[in-house]
Amino acid sequence: MPGRHVNDQQVRFYMTARITRPQAAAAAMAGISVATGRRIERDLRPPSSRKEVRAYRTRSDPLVVRF
């Protein structure tokens, strides 16, 4: 479901279902998209233990005076 965060319970359910079912079926059972299932398989840590991504500047400020 777009716009909703995946919780630990969904990840555990997905990984349990993934043992015996294809990726698409396990994702549908857990209520997540197939793309989210792929992302979960790349990083097996539960969402609660991942560091939050914060918004930050990706470029340095060109108007800052450096010495």
Protein backbone atom coordinates (compact mmCIF):
# COMPACT_ATOMS: atom_id res chain seq x y z
CA MET A 1 0.00 0.00 0.00
CA PRO A 2 1.68 3.25 -1.08
CA GLY A 3 2.51 5.79 1.55
CA ARG A 4 2.45 3.33 4.45
CA HIS A 5 5.54 2.19 6.34
CA VAL A 6 6.30 -1.52 6.55
CA ASN A 7 6.38 -2.78 10.13
CA ASP A 8 8.39 -5.58 11.74
CA GLN A 9 5.45 -7.95 11.78
CA GLN A 10 4.99 -7.65 8.01
CA VAL A 11 8.70 -8.30 7.44
CA ARG A 12 8.63 -11.41 9.67
CA PHE A 13 5.49 -12.67 7.94
CA TYR A 14 7.00 -12.02 4.50
CA MET A 15 10.23 -13.87 5.33
CA THR A 16 8.29 -16.82 6.78
CA ALA A 17 6.06 -17.03 3.71
CA ARG A 18 9.07 -16.60 1.42
CA ILE A 19 10.49 -19.96 2.55
CA THR A 20 7.81 -21.89 0.66
CA ARG A 21 6.27 -19.35 -1.73
CA PRO A 22 7.43 -17.17 -4.62
CA GLN A 23 8.28 -13.54 -3.99
CA ALA A 24 5.03 -12.15 -5.43
CA ALA A 25 2.82 -14.49 -3.39
CA ALA A 26 4.70 -13.86 -0.14
CA ALA A 27 4.54 -10.10 -0.70
CA ALA A 28 0.80 -10.22 -1.37
CA MET A 29 0.23 -12.26 1.78
CA ALA A 30 2.23 -9.77 3.87
CA GLY A 31 0.41 -6.79 2.33
CA ILE A 32 3.48 -5.26 0.69
CA SER A 33 4.59 -4.74 -2.89
CA VAL A 34 7.00 -7.03 -4.73
CA ALA A 35 9.51 -4.16 -4.90
CA THR A 36 9.36 -3.82 -1.11
CA GLY A 37 9.89 -7.57 -0.84
CA ARG A 38 13.06 -7.26 -2.91
CA ARG A 39 14.23 -4.39 -0.70
CA ILE A 40 13.59 -6.49 2.43
CA GLU A 41 15.62 -9.37 0.99
CA ARG A 42 18.57 -7.04 0.33
CA ASP A 43 18.62 -5.76 3.91
CA LEU A 44 17.36 -8.39 6.35
CA ARG A 45 17.28 -6.10 9.40
CA PRO A 46 13.78 -5.29 10.68
CA PRO A 47 12.58 -1.74 9.98
CA SER A 48 12.75 -0.80 13.67
CA SER A 49 16.52 -1.37 13.76
CA ARG A 50 17.37 0.56 10.60
CA LYS A 51 18.72 4.05 10.96
CA GLU A 52 16.29 6.71 9.86
CA VAL A 53 17.27 8.54 6.70
CA ARG A 54 17.34 12.27 7.34
CA ALA A 55 17.00 15.03 4.81
CA TYR A 56 20.31 16.77 4.35
CA ARG A 57 22.11 18.80 1.75
CA THR A 58 23.84 16.70 -0.86
CA ARG A 59 25.82 19.64 -2.22
CA SER A 60 28.00 22.02 -0.32
CA ASP A 61 26.83 25.62 -0.26
CA PRO A 62 28.61 27.49 -3.10
CA LEU A 63 28.28 30.84 -1.27
CA VAL A 64 30.17 29.77 1.85
CA VAL A 65 33.52 31.53 2.13
CA ARG A 66 36.34 29.02 2.65
CA PHE A 67 39.84 29.94 3.66
